[in-house]
């Protein structure tokens, strides 16, 4: 089977990013400009998980549909990473090679879980300080991790949302993008820089503090990936961070005056 040309790979990357995090980055920049031209950034608010209907089961339906369709670009990435390998010795026609290539499997659950917990602690604790500093400096909006109404399904949906973010971001912005940029002949430092800037850019709607924090997180996660060749610890770490933020705010935010 023919190896895809760089031109085709570039088109492939633009398609993937245009359907996923690249699109989010463009909207994020526009939302930031909207907030900056409306009022001081410190007076702005960024809500991460919004209610989409006042009717409970329609809201649940919308939330689940958002989660499912957000994962479609990940499926596309798995397909792109698999299609040119199918038929080669040792490859699988069902995408198993792509999952192994990304390290998105359960080959070492214990080690992945421990690394994920460690990364979550490494990133999560300084992030609280960075958020406080950003608010004090007026460069970060007030962030509301969840504005969902309290239903029996609220916590499970927030957990699923956290896992969704972990899978989408780490598979696309780390595993897939680093692979493709290296195939373009980019050096690893340049590829990591672009990956981390992309991660920061689609958080710009929250302000400049989250941009900086997520860019630094992107560098750390990319460096870990280059050493382990596994996105699973990154997915676990990201899911833990978002779960703590989403569920913690949903359960305790209003009680401590954050909502």
Foldseek 3Di string as FASTA:
>chain_A
DDDDDLVVLVVLLCVLCCQALVVLLVVLVVLLVVCVVPDQQLAAEAEAAEQDDPDVVVSVVVLVVVLVVNCVSVVVLLCVVQVVCPPPPPGDPVSPVVCVQQQVDVPPVVVLLVLLVVLLVVQVPVLVVLQVVCSVVRFFYQYQHYDDDDDPCQLVSQLSVQLSVLSNLLCSLALRQQVSVVVVVDDNVVSLQVSLQSQLSSCCSRGDSSSVSSSVSSNVLNVVCVVVSHSSSSSSNSSVSSSCRNVVCVVCVVVVPSD
